[in-house]
Amino acid sequence: MKSLEIIGFKRANLDSASLKEIREEGNVPCVVYGPAIDGQIHFYTPAILFRDLVYTPDVHMVDLNIEGTKMKAVLKDAQFHPVSETLLHADFLAFSEDRAIKFEIPVDIVGTSPGIQKGGKLEIKTRKLAVKGLASNLPDKIKVDISKLDLGKSFKVGELTAEGFEILTSPNVSIVTIGIPRALRGKKAE
């Protein structure tokens, strides 16, 4: 899995006035918690460092460096302003290499479907899957091969094979479906 470094600075004041001041300076208030550390660490980091972490479909492991204290983490939650869509707050989950973590991995659709070649429409139902495993075993993306899907057929989570990690999403959930357009439905009825 890809890795990204974020450098942070501890913050002592947790009141709303200091949060506003942090945001006005172009920084994002953050918190890190999890089984790998004792308690929580409140810190802030420049907003520019989140460009490759938040505004991408890829997932990354984060190497947090908070005033010299280094730890491995994943971005657990990000809050955005409802109008300007600027990043307001980020939560990180610190983990240790020997304990399993729960994470969401994006789905990568590969192959050419015979159903699409017949005029069907690709309908992506699920873009991310919940997984659990050691961080070193988690892939960047979960590949879904649609080369055998015909018109009206679906690829479900239960058809995937996971090596080194467990898929937590229900096996009955459809990942992708080849939809039958209205024009083709009329031809089949005749």
Protein backbone atom coordinates (compact mmCIF):
# COMPACT_ATOMS: atom_id res chain seq x y z
CA MET A 1 0.00 0.00 0.00
CA LYS A 2 1.21 3.52 -0.76
CA SER A 3 2.65 5.60 2.05
CA LEU A 4 2.57 9.36 2.65
CA GLU A 5 4.27 11.49 5.31
CA ILE A 6 2.40 14.20 7.23
CA ILE A 7 4.24 16.50 9.61
CA GLY A 8 2.21 17.91 12.49
CA PHE A 9 2.58 20.26 15.45
CA LYS A 10 0.95 19.66 18.83
CA ARG A 11 -1.76 22.05 19.95
CA ALA A 12 -2.43 22.85 23.58
CA ASN A 13 -5.62 24.90 23.28
CA LEU A 14 -8.65 22.92 22.19
CA ASP A 15 -11.20 25.76 22.33
CA SER A 16 -13.07 27.02 19.26
CA ALA A 17 -11.18 30.33 19.12
CA SER A 18 -7.84 28.58 18.69
CA LEU A 19 -9.39 26.23 16.10
CA LYS A 20 -10.56 29.23 14.08
CA GLU A 21 -7.09 30.76 14.27
CA ILE A 22 -5.47 27.48 13.12
CA ARG A 23 -7.80 27.29 10.11
CA GLU A 24 -7.23 30.95 9.17
CA GLU A 25 -3.48 30.26 9.01
CA GLY A 26 -4.08 27.53 6.39
CA ASN A 27 -3.76 24.59 8.76
CA VAL A 28 -6.06 21.69 9.57
CA PRO A 29 -6.74 20.63 13.18
CA CYS A 30 -6.32 16.88 13.61
CA VAL A 31 -6.47 14.16 16.23
CA VAL A 32 -4.79 10.76 16.31
CA TYR A 33 -5.96 7.87 18.49
CA GLY A 34 -5.83 4.11 18.50
CA PRO A 35 -4.34 1.04 20.13
CA ALA A 36 -0.78 1.97 19.13
CA ILE A 37 -0.70 5.09 21.35
CA ASP A 38 -1.83 6.06 24.84
CA GLY A 39 -4.80 8.45 24.76
CA GLN A 40 -5.20 11.01 21.99
CA ILE A 41 -2.82 13.50 20.44
CA HIS A 42 -4.31 16.78 19.18
CA PHE A 43 -2.22 18.47 16.52
CA TYR A 44 -2.42 20.61 13.40
CA THR A 45 -0.78 20.34 10.01
CA PRO A 46 -0.64 22.48 6.85
CA ALA A 47 -3.67 21.87 4.63
CA ILE A 48 -1.47 21.47 1.54
CA LEU A 49 -0.17 18.13 2.88
CA PHE A 50 -3.66 16.61 2.52
CA ARG A 51 -3.80 17.08 -1.26
CA ASP A 52 -2.41 13.62 -2.07
CA LEU A 53 -4.27 11.96 0.81
CA VAL A 54 -7.85 13.25 0.63
CA TYR A 55 -8.37 14.38 -2.96
CA THR A 56 -7.55 11.05 -4.62
CA PRO A 57 -9.35 7.74 -5.06
CA ASP A 58 -6.25 5.90 -3.80
CA VAL A 59 -5.74 4.89 -0.19
CA HIS A 60 -2.54 5.58 1.70
CA MET A 61 -0.84 4.62 4.91
CA VAL A 62 0.26 7.77 6.71
CA ASP A 63 3.61 8.20 8.40
CA LEU A 64 2.73 10.81 11.04
CA ASN A 65 5.57 12.89 12.43
CA ILE A 66 4.26 15.04 15.29
CA GLU A 67 7.18 17.09 16.61
CA GLY A 68 9.54 14.12 16.35
CA THR A 69 7.08 11.45 17.51
CA LYS A 70 6.62 9.07 14.57
CA MET A 71 3.80 6.61 14.13
CA LYS A 72 1.94 4.72 11.41
CA ALA A 73 -1.68 5.68 10.89
CA VAL A 74 -4.58 5.72 8.44
CA LEU A 75 -7.03 8.54 7.75
CA LYS A 76 -10.20 7.48 9.54
CA ASP A 77 -12.44 10.52 8.94
CA ALA A 78 -12.29 13.93 7.27
CA GLN A 79 -14.80 16.74 7.77
CA PHE A 80 -15.42 19.38 5.11
CA HIS A 81 -17.11 22.79 5.11
CA PRO A 82 -20.63 22.36 3.67
CA VAL A 83 -20.32 25.28 1.24
CA SER A 84 -16.65 25.90 0.42
CA GLU A 85 -15.70 22.21 0.77
CA THR A 86 -12.42 23.09 2.49
CA LEU A 87 -11.02 20.52 4.87
CA LEU A 88 -12.02 21.40 8.46
CA HIS A 89 -10.80 18.46 10.54
CA ALA A 90 -9.10 15.06 10.15
CA ASP A 91 -9.07 11.98 12.39
CA PHE A 92 -6.25 9.46 12.19
CA LEU A 93 -6.16 5.93 13.57
CA ALA A 94 -2.70 4.87 14.78
CA PHE A 95 -2.00 1.17 14.41
CA SER A 96 0.74 -1.29 15.17
CA GLU A 97 2.16 -3.63 12.55
CA ASP A 98 1.20 -6.76 14.52
CA ARG A 99 -2.54 -6.00 14.96
CA ALA A 100 -5.27 -6.19 12.33
CA ILE A 101 -7.02 -2.97 11.30
CA LYS A 102 -10.37 -2.32 9.61
CA PHE A 103 -10.13 -0.22 6.48
CA GLU A 104 -11.97 0.58 3.25
CA ILE A 105 -10.19 -0.33 0.00
CA PRO A 106 -11.34 1.00 -3.41
CA VAL A 107 -12.54 -1.37 -6.13
CA ASP A 108 -10.72 -1.43 -9.51
CA ILE A 109 -12.86 -2.64 -12.44
CA VAL A 110 -10.75 -4.53 -15.03
CA GLY A 111 -11.56 -6.40 -18.24
CA THR A 112 -14.08 -5.96 -21.03
CA SER A 113 -17.57 -7.33 -20.51
CA PRO A 114 -19.42 -9.12 -23.34
CA GLY A 115 -22.59 -7.50 -22.00
CA ILE A 116 -21.16 -4.02 -22.57
CA GLN A 117 -20.14 -4.98 -26.11
CA LYS A 118 -23.79 -5.97 -26.74
CA GLY A 119 -24.94 -2.50 -25.65
CA GLY A 120 -25.27 -2.97 -21.90
CA LYS A 121 -24.44 -0.28 -19.38
CA LEU A 122 -21.82 -0.67 -16.63
CA GLU A 123 -23.41 0.16 -13.26
CA ILE A 124 -20.95 0.42 -10.36
CA LYS A 125 -22.89 -0.32 -7.17
CA THR A 126 -20.03 -0.30 -4.63
CA ARG A 127 -16.84 1.73 -4.93
CA LYS A 128 -15.13 0.64 -1.66
CA LEU A 129 -15.10 -2.57 0.35
CA ALA A 130 -14.58 -2.91 4.10
CA VAL A 131 -11.65 -5.18 4.89
CA LYS A 132 -9.72 -6.33 7.95
CA GLY A 133 -6.12 -7.45 8.13
CA LEU A 134 -2.54 -6.53 8.90
CA ALA A 135 -1.52 -3.25 7.26
CA SER A 136 1.30 -4.96 5.38
CA ASN A 137 -1.20 -7.37 3.75
CA LEU A 138 -3.76 -4.79 2.58
CA PRO A 139 -3.70 -4.09 -1.18
CA ASP A 140 -3.91 -0.66 -2.86
CA LYS A 141 -7.04 -1.74 -4.76
CA ILE A 142 -9.25 -4.81 -5.03
CA LYS A 143 -9.47 -5.91 -8.67
CA VAL A 144 -12.85 -6.99 -10.04
CA ASP A 145 -12.69 -8.77 -13.42
CA ILE A 146 -15.86 -8.19 -15.45
CA SER A 147 -14.73 -10.09 -18.57
CA LYS A 148 -17.37 -12.83 -17.98
CA LEU A 149 -20.37 -10.60 -17.21
CA ASP A 150 -23.18 -10.67 -19.74
CA LEU A 151 -26.32 -8.51 -19.93
CA GLY A 152 -28.22 -8.36 -16.64
CA LYS A 153 -25.50 -10.15 -14.68
CA SER A 154 -23.79 -8.92 -11.50
CA PHE A 155 -20.45 -9.47 -9.76
CA LYS A 156 -20.94 -9.93 -6.02
CA VAL A 157 -18.51 -9.58 -3.12
CA GLY A 158 -18.76 -13.33 -2.44
CA GLU A 159 -17.04 -14.05 -5.77
CA LEU A 160 -13.82 -12.31 -4.67
CA THR A 161 -10.85 -14.13 -3.21
CA ALA A 162 -8.86 -12.38 -0.50
CA GLU A 163 -5.34 -13.46 0.36
CA GLY A 164 -3.89 -12.23 3.64
CA PHE A 165 -6.94 -10.20 4.66
CA GLU A 166 -10.67 -10.64 5.31
CA ILE A 167 -13.46 -8.88 3.40
CA LEU A 168 -16.05 -7.60 5.89
CA THR A 169 -18.60 -6.38 3.33
CA SER A 170 -21.52 -8.81 2.98
CA PRO A 171 -20.97 -11.47 0.26
CA ASN A 172 -24.44 -10.70 -1.15
CA VAL A 173 -23.59 -7.07 -2.04
CA SER A 174 -23.27 -6.39 -5.78
CA ILE A 175 -20.10 -4.58 -6.78
CA VAL A 176 -20.95 -4.10 -10.45
CA THR A 177 -23.91 -4.92 -12.71
CA ILE A 178 -24.29 -4.90 -16.47
CA GLY A 179 -27.60 -3.09 -16.95
CA ILE A 180 -29.92 -3.76 -19.87
CA PRO A 181 -30.87 -0.50 -21.64
CA ARG A 182 -34.54 0.16 -22.43
CA ALA A 183 -33.92 -0.21 -26.17
CA LEU A 184 -32.52 -3.74 -25.71
CA ARG A 185 -35.34 -4.74 -23.32
CA GLY A 186 -37.89 -3.99 -26.03
CA LYS A 187 -36.03 -6.17 -28.56
CA LYS A 188 -35.93 -9.14 -26.18
CA ALA A 189 -39.71 -8.97 -25.67
CA GLU A 190 -40.38 -9.27 -29.41
